C-alpha atoms as a PDB file:
ATOM      1  CA  UNK A   1      -6.229  38.357 -18.919  1.00  0.00           C
ATOM      2  CA  UNK A   2      -8.500  36.434 -21.298  1.00  0.00           C
ATOM      3  CA  UNK A   3     -12.220  36.963 -21.946  1.00  0.00           C
ATOM      4  CA  UNK A   4     -14.816  35.350 -24.223  1.00  0.00           C
ATOM      5  CA  UNK A   5     -16.886  37.833 -26.257  1.00  0.00           C
ATOM      6  CA  UNK A   6     -20.123  37.348 -28.196  1.00  0.00           C
ATOM      7  CA  UNK A   7     -22.090  39.362 -30.728  1.00  0.00           C
ATOM      8  CA  UNK A   8     -25.850  39.905 -30.565  1.00  0.00           C
ATOM      9  CA  UNK A   9     -27.444  37.689 -33.231  1.00  0.00           C
ATOM     10  CA  UNK A  10     -24.015  36.412 -34.265  1.00  0.00           C
ATOM     11  CA  UNK A  11     -24.521  32.753 -33.407  1.00  0.00           C
ATOM     12  CA  UNK A  12     -21.846  30.504 -31.958  1.00  0.00           C
ATOM     13  CA  UNK A  13     -19.378  31.599 -34.621  1.00  0.00           C
ATOM     14  CA  UNK A  14     -19.310  35.050 -32.962  1.00  0.00           C
ATOM     15  CA  UNK A  15     -17.794  33.595 -29.762  1.00  0.00           C
ATOM     16  CA  UNK A  16     -14.234  34.967 -29.640  1.00  0.00           C
ATOM     17  CA  UNK A  17     -11.402  34.784 -27.103  1.00  0.00           C
ATOM     18  CA  UNK A  18      -9.694  38.142 -26.551  1.00  0.00           C
ATOM     19  CA  UNK A  19      -6.922  39.445 -24.285  1.00  0.00           C
ATOM     20  CA  UNK A  20      -7.057  42.589 -22.114  1.00  0.00           C
ATOM     21  CA  UNK A  21      -5.067  44.164 -19.295  1.00  0.00           C
ATOM     22  CA  UNK A  22      -6.269  43.169 -15.836  1.00  0.00           C
ATOM     23  CA  UNK A  23      -8.625  46.011 -14.727  1.00  0.00           C
ATOM     24  CA  UNK A  24      -8.173  48.011 -11.540  1.00  0.00           C
ATOM     25  CA  UNK A  25     -11.096  48.596  -9.156  1.00  0.00           C
ATOM     26  CA  UNK A  26     -12.470  52.103  -8.640  1.00  0.00           C
ATOM     27  CA  UNK A  27     -13.266  53.525  -5.188  1.00  0.00           C
ATOM     28  CA  UNK A  28     -16.464  51.472  -4.646  1.00  0.00           C
ATOM     29  CA  UNK A  29     -15.498  48.472  -6.789  1.00  0.00           C
ATOM     30  CA  UNK A  30     -14.025  45.030  -6.204  1.00  0.00           C
ATOM     31  CA  UNK A  31     -11.731  43.044  -8.488  1.00  0.00           C
ATOM     32  CA  UNK A  32     -12.810  39.413  -8.706  1.00  0.00           C
ATOM     33  CA  UNK A  33     -10.766  36.481  -9.936  1.00  0.00           C
ATOM     34  CA  UNK A  34     -13.510  34.506 -11.645  1.00  0.00           C
ATOM     35  CA  UNK A  35     -13.397  30.812 -10.786  1.00  0.00           C
ATOM     36  CA  UNK A  36     -16.556  29.481 -12.440  1.00  0.00           C
ATOM     37  CA  UNK A  37     -19.382  30.443 -14.810  1.00  0.00           C
ATOM     38  CA  UNK A  38     -22.612  28.808 -15.856  1.00  0.00           C
ATOM     39  CA  UNK A  39     -24.593  29.096 -19.073  1.00  0.00           C
ATOM     40  CA  UNK A  40     -28.253  30.125 -19.225  1.00  0.00           C
ATOM     41  CA  UNK A  41     -30.900  30.489 -21.910  1.00  0.00           C
ATOM     42  CA  UNK A  42     -30.275  34.246 -22.023  1.00  0.00           C
ATOM     43  CA  UNK A  43     -26.888  33.533 -23.654  1.00  0.00           C
ATOM     44  CA  UNK A  44     -28.615  31.521 -26.381  1.00  0.00           C
ATOM     45  CA  UNK A  45     -31.194  34.271 -26.848  1.00  0.00           C
ATOM     46  CA  UNK A  46     -28.419  36.834 -27.286  1.00  0.00           C
ATOM     47  CA  UNK A  47     -26.587  34.654 -29.810  1.00  0.00           C
ATOM     48  CA  UNK A  48     -29.850  34.112 -31.706  1.00  0.00           C
ATOM     49  CA  UNK A  49     -30.801  37.802 -31.657  1.00  0.00           C
ATOM     50  CA  UNK A  50     -33.884  37.209 -29.478  1.00  0.00           C
ATOM     51  CA  UNK A  51     -32.951  38.883 -26.208  1.00  0.00           C
ATOM     52  CA  UNK A  52     -35.396  41.712 -25.401  1.00  0.00           C
ATOM     53  CA  UNK A  53     -33.024  44.013 -23.480  1.00  0.00           C
ATOM     54  CA  UNK A  54     -30.130  46.072 -24.892  1.00  0.00           C
ATOM     55  CA  UNK A  55     -26.913  44.218 -25.704  1.00  0.00           C
ATOM     56  CA  UNK A  56     -23.666  46.092 -26.266  1.00  0.00           C
ATOM     57  CA  UNK A  57     -21.438  45.361 -29.249  1.00  0.00           C
ATOM     58  CA  UNK A  58     -18.761  42.671 -28.759  1.00  0.00           C
ATOM     59  CA  UNK A  59     -19.765  42.164 -25.119  1.00  0.00           C
ATOM     60  CA  UNK A  60     -17.975  39.849 -22.683  1.00  0.00           C
ATOM     61  CA  UNK A  61     -20.341  36.892 -22.405  1.00  0.00           C
ATOM     62  CA  UNK A  62     -22.249  35.297 -19.525  1.00  0.00           C
ATOM     63  CA  UNK A  63     -24.240  36.850 -16.720  1.00  0.00           C
ATOM     64  CA  UNK A  64     -23.383  34.119 -14.214  1.00  0.00           C
ATOM     65  CA  UNK A  65     -20.071  33.889 -12.407  1.00  0.00           C
ATOM     66  CA  UNK A  66     -18.478  33.276  -9.032  1.00  0.00           C
ATOM     67  CA  UNK A  67     -14.988  33.891  -7.761  1.00  0.00           C
ATOM     68  CA  UNK A  68     -12.716  35.386  -5.142  1.00  0.00           C
ATOM     69  CA  UNK A  69     -12.128  39.059  -4.329  1.00  0.00           C
ATOM     70  CA  UNK A  70      -8.468  39.878  -5.001  1.00  0.00           C
ATOM     71  CA  UNK A  71      -8.510  43.689  -4.642  1.00  0.00           C
ATOM     72  CA  UNK A  72     -10.905  46.345  -3.330  1.00  0.00           C
ATOM     73  CA  UNK A  73     -11.355  50.086  -3.855  1.00  0.00           C
ATOM     74  CA  UNK A  74     -10.651  52.613  -1.138  1.00  0.00           C
ATOM     75  CA  UNK A  75     -14.338  53.114  -0.251  1.00  0.00           C
ATOM     76  CA  UNK A  76     -15.440  49.465  -0.278  1.00  0.00           C
ATOM     77  CA  UNK A  77     -16.959  48.465   3.063  1.00  0.00           C
ATOM     78  CA  UNK A  78     -18.921  45.309   2.236  1.00  0.00           C
ATOM     79  CA  UNK A  79     -16.115  43.007   1.081  1.00  0.00           C
ATOM     80  CA  UNK A  80     -12.470  42.271   1.666  1.00  0.00           C
ATOM     81  CA  UNK A  81      -9.747  40.383  -0.157  1.00  0.00           C
ATOM     82  CA  UNK A  82     -10.368  36.648   0.012  1.00  0.00           C
ATOM     83  CA  UNK A  83     -14.176  36.804   0.113  1.00  0.00           C
ATOM     84  CA  UNK A  84     -16.011  34.265  -2.059  1.00  0.00           C
ATOM     85  CA  UNK A  85     -18.615  36.101  -4.116  1.00  0.00           C
ATOM     86  CA  UNK A  86     -21.088  36.067  -7.017  1.00  0.00           C
ATOM     87  CA  UNK A  87     -22.150  38.801  -9.418  1.00  0.00           C
ATOM     88  CA  UNK A  88     -25.744  40.095  -9.447  1.00  0.00           C
ATOM     89  CA  UNK A  89     -27.135  39.940 -13.003  1.00  0.00           C
ATOM     90  CA  UNK A  90     -29.023  43.263 -12.623  1.00  0.00           C
ATOM     91  CA  UNK A  91     -26.510  45.121 -10.431  1.00  0.00           C
ATOM     92  CA  UNK A  92     -28.651  48.300 -10.157  1.00  0.00           C
ATOM     93  CA  UNK A  93     -32.007  46.613  -9.470  1.00  0.00           C
ATOM     94  CA  UNK A  94     -31.966  46.330  -5.704  1.00  0.00           C
ATOM     95  CA  UNK A  95     -35.666  45.788  -4.924  1.00  0.00           C
ATOM     96  CA  UNK A  96     -39.186  46.686  -6.060  1.00  0.00           C
ATOM     97  CA  UNK A  97     -40.767  46.468  -9.500  1.00  0.00           C
ATOM     98  CA  UNK A  98     -38.744  45.898 -12.647  1.00  0.00           C
ATOM     99  CA  UNK A  99     -37.850  49.207 -14.292  1.00  0.00           C
ATOM    100  CA  UNK A 100     -36.012  49.725 -17.573  1.00  0.00           C
ATOM    101  CA  UNK A 101     -34.059  52.520 -15.895  1.00  0.00           C
ATOM    102  CA  UNK A 102     -32.402  49.812 -13.775  1.00  0.00           C
ATOM    103  CA  UNK A 103     -32.191  47.179 -16.493  1.00  0.00           C
ATOM    104  CA  UNK A 104     -28.424  47.152 -17.097  1.00  0.00           C
ATOM    105  CA  UNK A 105     -27.367  43.510 -16.992  1.00  0.00           C
ATOM    106  CA  UNK A 106     -24.139  41.555 -16.916  1.00  0.00           C
ATOM    107  CA  UNK A 107     -23.428  39.914 -20.245  1.00  0.00           C
ATOM    108  CA  UNK A 108     -25.859  42.297 -21.987  1.00  0.00           C
ATOM    109  CA  UNK A 109     -25.538  46.048 -21.690  1.00  0.00           C
ATOM    110  CA  UNK A 110     -22.610  45.473 -19.278  1.00  0.00           C
ATOM    111  CA  UNK A 111     -19.622  43.186 -19.727  1.00  0.00           C
ATOM    112  CA  UNK A 112     -20.282  39.709 -18.399  1.00  0.00           C
ATOM    113  CA  UNK A 113     -18.206  37.350 -16.283  1.00  0.00           C
ATOM    114  CA  UNK A 114     -16.809  34.829 -18.780  1.00  0.00           C
ATOM    115  CA  UNK A 115     -13.391  36.284 -18.126  1.00  0.00           C
ATOM    116  CA  UNK A 116     -10.432  35.698 -15.859  1.00  0.00           C
ATOM    117  CA  UNK A 117     -10.894  38.952 -13.913  1.00  0.00           C
ATOM    118  CA  UNK A 118     -13.907  41.255 -13.534  1.00  0.00           C
ATOM    119  CA  UNK A 119     -14.478  44.579 -11.792  1.00  0.00           C
ATOM    120  CA  UNK A 120     -17.924  45.096 -10.226  1.00  0.00           C
ATOM    121  CA  UNK A 121     -19.368  47.719  -7.929  1.00  0.00           C
ATOM    122  CA  UNK A 122     -19.755  46.311  -4.433  1.00  0.00           C
ATOM    123  CA  UNK A 123     -23.533  46.849  -4.641  1.00  0.00           C
ATOM    124  CA  UNK A 124     -23.653  44.319  -7.490  1.00  0.00           C
ATOM    125  CA  UNK A 125     -21.897  41.543  -5.587  1.00  0.00           C
ATOM    126  CA  UNK A 126     -23.137  39.027  -2.999  1.00  0.00           C
ATOM    127  CA  UNK A 127     -21.371  36.447  -0.809  1.00  0.00           C
ATOM    128  CA  UNK A 128     -21.588  32.782  -1.792  1.00  0.00           C
ATOM    129  CA  UNK A 129     -24.093  31.071   0.534  1.00  0.00           C
ATOM    130  CA  UNK A 130     -22.951  28.354   2.888  1.00  0.00           C
ATOM    131  CA  UNK A 131     -20.279  25.971   1.693  1.00  0.00           C
ATOM    132  CA  UNK A 132     -21.248  25.918  -1.983  1.00  0.00           C
ATOM    133  CA  UNK A 133     -18.335  25.444  -4.344  1.00  0.00           C
ATOM    134  CA  UNK A 134     -17.504  28.114  -6.916  1.00  0.00           C
ATOM    135  CA  UNK A 135     -19.044  25.837  -9.557  1.00  0.00           C
ATOM    136  CA  UNK A 136     -22.278  25.451  -7.587  1.00  0.00           C
ATOM    137  CA  UNK A 137     -22.451  29.163  -6.772  1.00  0.00           C
ATOM    138  CA  UNK A 138     -22.036  30.078 -10.439  1.00  0.00           C
ATOM    139  CA  UNK A 139     -25.366  28.384 -11.197  1.00  0.00           C
ATOM    140  CA  UNK A 140     -27.385  30.737  -8.967  1.00  0.00           C
ATOM    141  CA  UNK A 141     -27.454  34.325 -10.335  1.00  0.00           C
ATOM    142  CA  UNK A 142     -29.795  33.846 -13.310  1.00  0.00           C
ATOM    143  CA  UNK A 143     -31.971  30.726 -13.223  1.00  0.00           C
ATOM    144  CA  UNK A 144     -32.097  30.175  -9.452  1.00  0.00           C
ATOM    145  CA  UNK A 145     -33.079  33.799  -8.792  1.00  0.00           C
ATOM    146  CA  UNK A 146     -35.664  33.532 -11.580  1.00  0.00           C
ATOM    147  CA  UNK A 147     -37.139  30.427  -9.950  1.00  0.00           C
ATOM    148  CA  UNK A 148     -37.196  32.112  -6.536  1.00  0.00           C
ATOM    149  CA  UNK A 149     -38.953  35.174  -7.952  1.00  0.00           C
ATOM    150  CA  UNK A 150     -41.450  32.894  -9.732  1.00  0.00           C
ATOM    151  CA  UNK A 151     -42.345  31.239  -6.432  1.00  0.00           C
ATOM    152  CA  UNK A 152     -42.286  34.105  -3.938  1.00  0.00           C
ATOM    153  CA  UNK A 153     -42.262  37.377  -5.893  1.00  0.00           C
ATOM    154  CA  UNK A 154     -45.966  37.543  -6.698  1.00  0.00           C
ATOM    155  CA  UNK A 155     -48.714  36.049  -4.543  1.00  0.00           C
ATOM    156  CA  UNK A 156     -46.023  34.235  -2.582  1.00  0.00           C
ATOM    157  CA  UNK A 157     -45.834  30.485  -2.023  1.00  0.00           C
ATOM    158  CA  UNK A 158     -47.340  29.301   1.254  1.00  0.00           C
ATOM    159  CA  UNK A 159     -46.260  25.979   2.828  1.00  0.00           C
ATOM    160  CA  UNK A 160     -48.715  23.262   1.848  1.00  0.00           C
ATOM    161  CA  UNK A 161     -49.595  24.795  -1.508  1.00  0.00           C
ATOM    162  CA  UNK A 162     -48.967  23.024  -4.811  1.00  0.00           C
ATOM    163  CA  UNK A 163     -46.552  23.951  -7.596  1.00  0.00           C
ATOM    164  CA  UNK A 164     -46.317  22.743 -11.189  1.00  0.00           C
ATOM    165  CA  UNK A 165     -42.941  22.853 -12.932  1.00  0.00           C
ATOM    166  CA  UNK A 166     -42.473  22.167 -16.637  1.00  0.00           C
ATOM    167  CA  UNK A 167     -39.591  20.087 -17.952  1.00  0.00           C
ATOM    168  CA  UNK A 168     -36.060  19.734 -16.636  1.00  0.00           C
ATOM    169  CA  UNK A 169     -34.321  22.972 -17.633  1.00  0.00           C
ATOM    170  CA  UNK A 170     -32.350  25.084 -15.187  1.00  0.00           C
ATOM    171  CA  UNK A 171     -35.239  27.245 -13.939  1.00  0.00           C
ATOM    172  CA  UNK A 172     -37.520  24.222 -13.564  1.00  0.00           C
ATOM    173  CA  UNK A 173     -34.976  22.227 -11.562  1.00  0.00           C
ATOM    174  CA  UNK A 174     -34.374  25.113  -9.177  1.00  0.00           C
ATOM    175  CA  UNK A 175     -38.125  25.759  -8.946  1.00  0.00           C
ATOM    176  CA  UNK A 176     -38.621  22.125  -7.909  1.00  0.00           C
ATOM    177  CA  UNK A 177     -35.846  22.242  -5.318  1.00  0.00           C
ATOM    178  CA  UNK A 178     -36.837  25.624  -3.898  1.00  0.00           C
ATOM    179  CA  UNK A 179     -40.546  24.791  -3.818  1.00  0.00           C
ATOM    180  CA  UNK A 180     -39.822  21.665  -1.784  1.00  0.00           C
ATOM    181  CA  UNK A 181     -37.570  23.725   0.491  1.00  0.00           C
ATOM    182  CA  UNK A 182     -40.509  26.123   1.024  1.00  0.00           C
ATOM    183  CA  UNK A 183     -42.877  23.293   1.949  1.00  0.00           C
ATOM    184  CA  UNK A 184     -44.835  22.841  -1.274  1.00  0.00           C
ATOM    185  CA  UNK A 185     -46.183  19.782  -3.032  1.00  0.00           C
ATOM    186  CA  UNK A 186     -44.615  19.670  -6.506  1.00  0.00           C
ATOM    187  CA  UNK A 187     -45.993  18.165  -9.696  1.00  0.00           C
ATOM    188  CA  UNK A 188     -43.526  18.183 -12.588  1.00  0.00           C
ATOM    189  CA  UNK A 189     -43.627  17.345 -16.269  1.00  0.00           C
ATOM    190  CA  UNK A 190     -40.823  15.575 -18.119  1.00  0.00           C
ATOM    191  CA  UNK A 191     -40.067  14.543 -21.685  1.00  0.00           C
ATOM    192  CA  UNK A 192     -38.870  11.026 -20.867  1.00  0.00           C
ATOM    193  CA  UNK A 193     -39.208   8.353 -18.234  1.00  0.00           C
ATOM    194  CA  UNK A 194     -35.501   8.728 -17.409  1.00  0.00           C
ATOM    195  CA  UNK A 195     -35.910  12.429 -16.650  1.00  0.00           C
ATOM    196  CA  UNK A 196     -39.108  11.689 -14.733  1.00  0.00           C
ATOM    197  CA  UNK A 197     -37.144   9.336 -12.476  1.00  0.00           C
ATOM    198  CA  UNK A 198     -34.500  11.992 -11.839  1.00  0.00           C
ATOM    199  CA  UNK A 199     -37.139  14.611 -11.015  1.00  0.00           C
ATOM    200  CA  UNK A 200     -38.636  12.169  -8.525  1.00  0.00           C
ATOM    201  CA  UNK A 201     -35.205  11.738  -6.942  1.00  0.00           C
ATOM    202  CA  UNK A 202     -35.004  15.527  -6.568  1.00  0.00           C
ATOM    203  CA  UNK A 203     -38.271  15.520  -4.632  1.00  0.00           C
ATOM    204  CA  UNK A 204     -41.123  15.793  -7.126  1.00  0.00           C
ATOM    205  CA  UNK A 205     -44.292  14.303  -5.617  1.00  0.00           C
ATOM    206  CA  UNK A 206     -45.663  13.347  -9.040  1.00  0.00           C
ATOM    207  CA  UNK A 207     -44.275  13.518 -12.590  1.00  0.00           C
ATOM    208  CA  UNK A 208     -46.231  13.535 -15.857  1.00  0.00           C
ATOM    209  CA  UNK A 209     -44.611  12.526 -19.160  1.00  0.00           C
ATOM    210  CA  UNK A 210     -45.744  15.407 -21.374  1.00  0.00           C
ATOM    211  CA  UNK A 211     -44.822  13.543 -24.573  1.00  0.00           C
ATOM    212  CA  UNK A 212     -47.173  10.697 -23.690  1.00  0.00           C
ATOM    213  CA  UNK A 213     -49.770  13.091 -22.258  1.00  0.00           C
ATOM    214  CA  UNK A 214     -49.856  16.326 -24.314  1.00  0.00           C
ATOM    215  CA  UNK A 215     -53.042  17.450 -22.514  1.00  0.00           C
ATOM    216  CA  UNK A 216     -51.263  17.111 -19.176  1.00  0.00           C
ATOM    217  CA  UNK A 217     -53.525  19.666 -17.479  1.00  0.00           C
ATOM    218  CA  UNK A 218     -56.167  16.953 -17.118  1.00  0.00           C
ATOM    219  CA  UNK A 219     -53.765  14.767 -15.168  1.00  0.00           C
ATOM    220  CA  UNK A 220     -52.712  17.740 -13.036  1.00  0.00           C
ATOM    221  CA  UNK A 221     -56.378  18.238 -12.164  1.00  0.00           C
ATOM    222  CA  UNK A 222     -56.730  14.544 -11.292  1.00  0.00           C
ATOM    223  CA  UNK A 223     -53.671  14.751  -9.031  1.00  0.00           C
ATOM    224  CA  UNK A 224     -55.177  17.741  -7.201  1.00  0.00           C
ATOM    225  CA  UNK A 225     -58.709  16.341  -6.747  1.00  0.00           C
ATOM    226  CA  UNK A 226     -59.999  18.520  -9.588  1.00  0.00           C
ATOM    227  CA  UNK A 227     -58.809  21.784  -8.039  1.00  0.00           C
ATOM    228  CA  UNK A 228     -55.621  22.516  -9.976  1.00  0.00           C
ATOM    229  CA  UNK A 229     -52.292  23.764  -8.648  1.00  0.00           C
ATOM    230  CA  UNK A 230     -51.723  27.038  -6.820  1.00  0.00           C
ATOM    231  CA  UNK A 231     -48.605  28.025  -8.787  1.00  0.00           C
ATOM    232  CA  UNK A 232     -47.205  27.207 -12.227  1.00  0.00           C
ATOM    233  CA  UNK A 233     -43.661  28.038 -13.316  1.00  0.00           C
ATOM    234  CA  UNK A 234     -44.118  28.117 -17.097  1.00  0.00           C
ATOM    235  CA  UNK A 235     -40.835  28.048 -19.003  1.00  0.00           C
ATOM    236  CA  UNK A 236     -42.333  26.496 -22.132  1.00  0.00           C
ATOM    237  CA  UNK A 237     -44.886  29.098 -23.225  1.00  0.00           C
ATOM    238  CA  UNK A 238     -47.695  26.507 -23.010  1.00  0.00           C
ATOM    239  CA  UNK A 239     -49.860  29.106 -21.343  1.00  0.00           C
ATOM    240  CA  UNK A 240     -53.311  27.785 -22.225  1.00  0.00           C
ATOM    241  CA  UNK A 241     -52.492  24.327 -20.886  1.00  0.00           C
ATOM    242  CA  UNK A 242     -51.005  25.983 -17.791  1.00  0.00           C
ATOM    243  CA  UNK A 243     -54.213  27.985 -17.327  1.00  0.00           C
ATOM    244  CA  UNK A 244     -56.243  24.766 -17.449  1.00  0.00           C
ATOM    245  CA  UNK A 245     -53.962  23.256 -14.792  1.00  0.00           C
ATOM    246  CA  UNK A 246     -54.141  26.193 -12.357  1.00  0.00           C
ATOM    247  CA  UNK A 247     -56.614  26.561  -9.510  1.00  0.00           C
ATOM    248  CA  UNK A 248     -59.058  29.470  -9.485  1.00  0.00           C
ATOM    249  CA  UNK A 249     -57.188  32.485  -8.155  1.00  0.00           C
ATOM    250  CA  UNK A 250     -53.816  30.807  -8.644  1.00  0.00           C
ATOM    251  CA  UNK A 251     -50.768  32.241 -10.363  1.00  0.00           C
ATOM    252  CA  UNK A 252     -48.694  31.443 -13.438  1.00  0.00           C
ATOM    253  CA  UNK A 253     -45.160  32.814 -13.466  1.00  0.00           C
ATOM    254  CA  UNK A 254     -44.342  33.123 -17.168  1.00  0.00           C
ATOM    255  CA  UNK A 255     -40.576  32.796 -17.547  1.00  0.00           C
ATOM    256  CA  UNK A 256     -40.575  32.537 -21.340  1.00  0.00           C
ATOM    257  CA  UNK A 257     -39.675  30.038 -24.015  1.00  0.00           C
ATOM    258  CA  UNK A 258     -36.843  29.643 -26.507  1.00  0.00           C
ATOM    259  CA  UNK A 259     -39.361  28.395 -29.040  1.00  0.00           C
ATOM    260  CA  UNK A 260     -41.981  31.124 -28.562  1.00  0.00           C
ATOM    261  CA  UNK A 261     -45.243  31.037 -26.645  1.00  0.00           C
ATOM    262  CA  UNK A 262     -48.756  29.980 -27.586  1.00  0.00           C
ATOM    263  CA  UNK A 263     -51.288  32.815 -28.046  1.00  0.00           C
ATOM    264  CA  UNK A 264     -53.265  33.163 -24.835  1.00  0.00           C
ATOM    265  CA  UNK A 265     -56.978  32.372 -24.980  1.00  0.00           C
ATOM    266  CA  UNK A 266     -58.363  35.588 -23.462  1.00  0.00           C
ATOM    267  CA  UNK A 267     -61.660  33.948 -22.521  1.00  0.00           C
ATOM    268  CA  UNK A 268     -59.834  31.109 -20.759  1.00  0.00           C
ATOM    269  CA  UNK A 269     -57.670  33.626 -18.883  1.00  0.00           C
ATOM    270  CA  UNK A 270     -60.731  35.630 -17.804  1.00  0.00           C
ATOM    271  CA  UNK A 271     -62.830  32.673 -16.669  1.00  0.00           C
ATOM    272  CA  UNK A 272     -59.927  31.061 -14.784  1.00  0.00           C
ATOM    273  CA  UNK A 273     -59.355  34.118 -12.551  1.00  0.00           C
ATOM    274  CA  UNK A 274     -55.658  33.234 -12.703  1.00  0.00           C
ATOM    275  CA  UNK A 275     -52.900  35.833 -12.422  1.00  0.00           C
ATOM    276  CA  UNK A 276     -50.444  35.636 -15.325  1.00  0.00           C
ATOM    277  CA  UNK A 277     -47.161  37.235 -14.229  1.00  0.00           C
ATOM    278  CA  UNK A 278     -44.204  37.600 -16.620  1.00  0.00           C
ATOM    279  CA  UNK A 279     -40.829  37.187 -14.897  1.00  0.00           C
ATOM    280  CA  UNK A 280     -37.788  39.356 -15.608  1.00  0.00           C
ATOM    281  CA  UNK A 281     -35.284  37.316 -13.576  1.00  0.00           C
ATOM    282  CA  UNK A 282     -35.233  39.000 -10.118  1.00  0.00           C
ATOM    283  CA  UNK A 283     -33.666  41.746  -8.017  1.00  0.00           C
ATOM    284  CA  UNK A 284     -30.869  41.700  -5.473  1.00  0.00           C
ATOM    285  CA  UNK A 285     -33.284  41.345  -2.537  1.00  0.00           C
ATOM    286  CA  UNK A 286     -34.651  38.154  -4.138  1.00  0.00           C
ATOM    287  CA  UNK A 287     -31.087  36.885  -4.487  1.00  0.00           C
ATOM    288  CA  UNK A 288     -30.250  37.677  -0.859  1.00  0.00           C
ATOM    289  CA  UNK A 289     -33.390  35.981   0.492  1.00  0.00           C
ATOM    290  CA  UNK A 290     -32.792  32.898  -1.645  1.00  0.00           C
ATOM    291  CA  UNK A 291     -29.179  32.670  -0.475  1.00  0.00           C
ATOM    292  CA  UNK A 292     -30.314  32.632   3.156  1.00  0.00           C
ATOM    293  CA  UNK A 293     -32.718  29.774   2.392  1.00  0.00           C
ATOM    294  CA  UNK A 294     -30.013  27.824   0.529  1.00  0.00           C
ATOM    295  CA  UNK A 295     -27.471  28.298   3.316  1.00  0.00           C
ATOM    296  CA  UNK A 296     -29.969  27.196   5.970  1.00  0.00           C
ATOM    297  CA  UNK A 297     -31.210  24.163   4.050  1.00  0.00           C
ATOM    298  CA  UNK A 298     -28.019  22.816   2.494  1.00  0.00           C
ATOM    299  CA  UNK A 299     -29.594  22.761  -0.980  1.00  0.00           C
ATOM    300  CA  UNK A 300     -27.101  21.733  -3.691  1.00  0.00           C
ATOM    301  CA  UNK A 301     -27.567  22.885  -7.298  1.00  0.00           C
ATOM    302  CA  UNK A 302     -27.786  20.221 -10.008  1.00  0.00           C
ATOM    303  CA  UNK A 303     -24.774  20.337 -12.326  1.00  0.00           C
ATOM    304  CA  UNK A 304     -24.726  18.254 -15.470  1.00  0.00           C
ATOM    305  CA  UNK A 305     -21.240  18.839 -16.827  1.00  0.00           C
ATOM    306  CA  UNK A 306     -18.194  21.008 -16.127  1.00  0.00           C
ATOM    307  CA  UNK A 307     -15.953  22.304 -18.925  1.00  0.00           C
ATOM    308  CA  UNK A 308     -12.545  23.954 -18.464  1.00  0.00           C
ATOM    309  CA  UNK A 309     -12.269  27.624 -19.486  1.00  0.00           C
ATOM    310  CA  UNK A 310     -10.269  26.799 -22.602  1.00  0.00           C
ATOM    311  CA  UNK A 311     -13.098  24.529 -23.802  1.00  0.00           C
ATOM    312  CA  UNK A 312     -15.759  27.249 -23.558  1.00  0.00           C
ATOM    313  CA  UNK A 313     -16.804  26.861 -27.250  1.00  0.00           C
ATOM    314  CA  UNK A 314     -17.484  23.171 -26.591  1.00  0.00           C
ATOM    315  CA  UNK A 315     -19.580  24.102 -23.540  1.00  0.00           C
ATOM    316  CA  UNK A 316     -21.704  26.463 -25.650  1.00  0.00           C
ATOM    317  CA  UNK A 317     -22.124  23.814 -28.342  1.00  0.00           C
ATOM    318  CA  UNK A 318     -23.148  21.222 -25.764  1.00  0.00           C
ATOM    319  CA  UNK A 319     -25.765  23.649 -24.454  1.00  0.00           C
ATOM    320  CA  UNK A 320     -27.058  24.468 -27.947  1.00  0.00           C
ATOM    321  CA  UNK A 321     -27.375  20.736 -28.631  1.00  0.00           C
ATOM    322  CA  UNK A 322     -29.616  20.391 -25.578  1.00  0.00           C
ATOM    323  CA  UNK A 323     -27.408  18.024 -23.686  1.00  0.00           C
ATOM    324  CA  UNK A 324     -27.740  16.955 -20.122  1.00  0.00           C
ATOM    325  CA  UNK A 325     -29.801  17.320 -16.991  1.00  0.00           C
ATOM    326  CA  UNK A 326     -28.750  20.279 -14.875  1.00  0.00           C
ATOM    327  CA  UNK A 327     -26.513  23.291 -15.311  1.00  0.00           C
ATOM    328  CA  UNK A 328     -23.546  23.510 -17.668  1.00  0.00           C
ATOM    329  CA  UNK A 329     -20.579  25.033 -15.863  1.00  0.00           C
ATOM    330  CA  UNK A 330     -17.259  26.459 -17.036  1.00  0.00           C
ATOM    331  CA  UNK A 331     -14.448  26.324 -14.496  1.00  0.00           C
ATOM    332  CA  UNK A 332     -11.172  28.197 -14.159  1.00  0.00           C
ATOM    333  CA  UNK A 333      -8.099  27.177 -12.166  1.00  0.00           C
ATOM    334  CA  UNK A 334      -7.135  29.090  -9.036  1.00  0.00           C
END
């Protein structure tokens, strides 16, 4: 079988295709024929040497993958051959607070899923929700679970509340879709009128061009009758502007930023009475709850472009170059 490996801090030039024997599942493990992967910002952080959790040497890349079970261990009781499944990024974090003792992650301290075959413990695998394709399912494990955690993992989004999403990256697009699914009013920011139009098509109730309006918190306040939004999903690290846009007692889910975050104005944080909650993706229970909501609603992930497995380097380059609107997916033949 073939697998793509990366090196922490090695840049795109460290991406290498290697060959291995097809693994055999242990007693509680399943062997998955991977059919699709998607790329997330964590892959770029690993390549740039900025990922905060441990990364093994010469690791198989990519936390996100979906495929079909082709063999099971003798003690497996949750899956059978033929099941369509996805890997859980943190396979040992089942529920509760984030804990470094359970911080092993696919594509980091554990081999990832950018490979033809992968062996995972059955506890780190979930069924694909509804009738999603392998390509659509492969977009869920990292950014969709992060967005779900951002919306429901803290104070918890209540129908009728308002949500602010920033930009049109993977987490923000899922946050918009999931927030609408949960009955929220969504205000989004975008870097161009074209992207603003696409966010509106996805269901955004209002969109602010943040390039034309760098102090967008003022417009957020105007759109909420001076109150501010109940929830912000901050993927940009613009925390002070997010604080100004949030209602008293609201919550900011801080997902992070590839470019670094602004220093937080402590006085602004104190006087706003806003909860600032850093997000470390999410646990398996988040993933399971989100899958139920997706299956019930018929939500379809936004995919920008699909690359064949043999063009994986081109997919990474396209992602580094900032192309597209939606997830970048790598597909493998059956």
